[in-house]
Amino acid sequence: MIITHEHLIVRATVTQPPTTIEAVTTWVKELVPMINMKLLGEPQAYYVDKAGNKGATCVAVIETSHIALHIWDEHNPALLN
């Protein structure tokens, strides 16, 4: 068996970012099966309310790696990384 390890790094501007903990958690839960991965636990999301860094942060453990993201929603358009 040959195992390949693929990584996706995204930096994007978004016009309608998820801005609540519930919205970003749902978004990550929906993303995982779309990339043919398996979620190993509940995503953990928090909202950062520090000026210059406001936005949702989320991490999730998937079967072969992890997902980590932050959405800076005080920018227009918002920045997702």
C-alpha atoms as a PDB file:
ATOM      1  CA  MET A   1       0.000   0.000   0.000  1.00  0.00           C
ATOM      2  CA  ILE A   2       1.301   3.435  -0.953  1.00  0.00           C
ATOM      3  CA  ILE A   3       0.146   6.216   1.331  1.00  0.00           C
ATOM      4  CA  THR A   4       0.126   9.746   0.012  1.00  0.00           C
ATOM      5  CA  HIS A   5      -0.004  12.772   2.244  1.00  0.00           C
ATOM      6  CA  GLU A   6      -1.755  15.764   0.795  1.00  0.00           C
ATOM      7  CA  HIS A   7      -2.076  19.198   2.363  1.00  0.00           C
ATOM      8  CA  LEU A   8      -4.252  22.125   1.476  1.00  0.00           C
ATOM      9  CA  ILE A   9      -3.346  25.608   2.640  1.00  0.00           C
ATOM     10  CA  VAL A  10      -5.914  28.293   1.897  1.00  0.00           C
ATOM     11  CA  ARG A  11      -5.750  32.050   2.289  1.00  0.00           C
ATOM     12  CA  ALA A  12      -8.888  33.629   0.913  1.00  0.00           C
ATOM     13  CA  THR A  13     -11.105  36.655   1.151  1.00  0.00           C
ATOM     14  CA  VAL A  14     -14.749  35.899   1.801  1.00  0.00           C
ATOM     15  CA  THR A  15     -17.780  38.143   1.545  1.00  0.00           C
ATOM     16  CA  GLN A  16     -20.070  36.164   3.864  1.00  0.00           C
ATOM     17  CA  PRO A  17     -17.879  34.612   6.569  1.00  0.00           C
ATOM     18  CA  PRO A  18     -19.285  32.491   9.359  1.00  0.00           C
ATOM     19  CA  THR A  19     -19.163  34.834  12.356  1.00  0.00           C
ATOM     20  CA  THR A  20     -20.515  32.697  15.188  1.00  0.00           C
ATOM     21  CA  ILE A  21     -19.084  29.658  16.932  1.00  0.00           C
ATOM     22  CA  GLU A  22     -22.048  27.585  15.772  1.00  0.00           C
ATOM     23  CA  ALA A  23     -21.664  28.666  12.142  1.00  0.00           C
ATOM     24  CA  VAL A  24     -17.935  27.961  11.935  1.00  0.00           C
ATOM     25  CA  THR A  25     -18.345  24.590  13.702  1.00  0.00           C
ATOM     26  CA  THR A  26     -21.106  23.577  11.283  1.00  0.00           C
ATOM     27  CA  TRP A  27     -18.993  24.739   8.339  1.00  0.00           C
ATOM     28  CA  VAL A  28     -16.040  22.561   9.433  1.00  0.00           C
ATOM     29  CA  LYS A  29     -18.318  19.554  10.060  1.00  0.00           C
ATOM     30  CA  GLU A  30     -19.711  19.902   6.528  1.00  0.00           C
ATOM     31  CA  LEU A  31     -16.245  20.393   5.010  1.00  0.00           C
ATOM     32  CA  VAL A  32     -14.716  17.167   6.377  1.00  0.00           C
ATOM     33  CA  PRO A  33     -16.793  14.667   4.342  1.00  0.00           C
ATOM     34  CA  MET A  34     -16.441  16.881   1.261  1.00  0.00           C
ATOM     35  CA  ILE A  35     -12.670  16.302   1.368  1.00  0.00           C
ATOM     36  CA  ASN A  36     -13.177  12.561   1.974  1.00  0.00           C
ATOM     37  CA  MET A  37     -11.893  12.662   5.524  1.00  0.00           C
ATOM     38  CA  LYS A  38     -13.240  11.419   8.851  1.00  0.00           C
ATOM     39  CA  LEU A  39     -13.786  13.672  11.852  1.00  0.00           C
ATOM     40  CA  LEU A  40     -12.364  12.095  15.031  1.00  0.00           C
ATOM     41  CA  GLY A  41     -13.997  14.461  17.514  1.00  0.00           C
ATOM     42  CA  GLU A  42     -16.029  17.617  17.747  1.00  0.00           C
ATOM     43  CA  PRO A  43     -14.438  20.743  16.261  1.00  0.00           C
ATOM     44  CA  GLN A  44     -13.434  23.272  18.911  1.00  0.00           C
ATOM     45  CA  ALA A  45     -14.253  26.865  17.996  1.00  0.00           C
ATOM     46  CA  TYR A  46     -13.879  30.153  19.826  1.00  0.00           C
ATOM     47  CA  TYR A  47     -14.466  33.798  19.055  1.00  0.00           C
ATOM     48  CA  VAL A  48     -11.530  36.185  19.504  1.00  0.00           C
ATOM     49  CA  ASP A  49     -12.633  39.706  20.415  1.00  0.00           C
ATOM     50  CA  LYS A  50      -9.213  41.406  20.306  1.00  0.00           C
ATOM     51  CA  ALA A  51      -9.005  44.468  18.049  1.00  0.00           C
ATOM     52  CA  GLY A  52      -7.032  43.681  14.918  1.00  0.00           C
ATOM     53  CA  ASN A  53      -7.586  39.943  15.388  1.00  0.00           C
ATOM     54  CA  LYS A  54     -11.375  39.689  15.755  1.00  0.00           C
ATOM     55  CA  GLY A  55     -12.889  36.555  14.327  1.00  0.00           C
ATOM     56  CA  ALA A  56     -13.621  32.878  14.750  1.00  0.00           C
ATOM     57  CA  THR A  57     -10.853  30.341  15.365  1.00  0.00           C
ATOM     58  CA  CYS A  58     -11.498  26.633  14.950  1.00  0.00           C
ATOM     59  CA  VAL A  59      -9.510  23.401  15.154  1.00  0.00           C
ATOM     60  CA  ALA A  60     -10.625  19.869  14.341  1.00  0.00           C
ATOM     61  CA  VAL A  61      -8.828  16.538  14.369  1.00  0.00           C
ATOM     62  CA  ILE A  62      -9.401  14.427  11.287  1.00  0.00           C
ATOM     63  CA  GLU A  63      -8.337  10.856  10.633  1.00  0.00           C
ATOM     64  CA  THR A  64      -4.987  11.653   9.066  1.00  0.00           C
ATOM     65  CA  SER A  65      -4.267  15.211  10.154  1.00  0.00           C
ATOM     66  CA  HIS A  66      -6.054  18.309  11.394  1.00  0.00           C
ATOM     67  CA  ILE A  67      -7.876  21.446  10.310  1.00  0.00           C
ATOM     68  CA  ALA A  68      -7.015  24.828  11.785  1.00  0.00           C
ATOM     69  CA  LEU A  69      -8.494  28.113  10.657  1.00  0.00           C
ATOM     70  CA  HIS A  70      -9.089  31.698  11.655  1.00  0.00           C
ATOM     71  CA  ILE A  71     -11.537  34.078  10.026  1.00  0.00           C
ATOM     72  CA  TRP A  72     -10.732  37.768  10.506  1.00  0.00           C
ATOM     73  CA  ASP A  73     -14.233  39.182  10.187  1.00  0.00           C
ATOM     74  CA  GLU A  74     -13.498  42.819  11.015  1.00  0.00           C
ATOM     75  CA  HIS A  75     -11.963  43.199   7.554  1.00  0.00           C
ATOM     76  CA  ASN A  76     -14.170  43.735   4.515  1.00  0.00           C
ATOM     77  CA  PRO A  77     -13.991  41.387   2.754  1.00  0.00           C
ATOM     78  CA  ALA A  78     -13.120  39.019   5.601  1.00  0.00           C
ATOM     79  CA  LEU A  79      -9.890  37.042   5.512  1.00  0.00           C
ATOM     80  CA  LEU A  80      -9.838  33.268   6.015  1.00  0.00           C
ATOM     81  CA  ASN A  81      -6.567  31.477   6.683  1.00  0.00           C
END
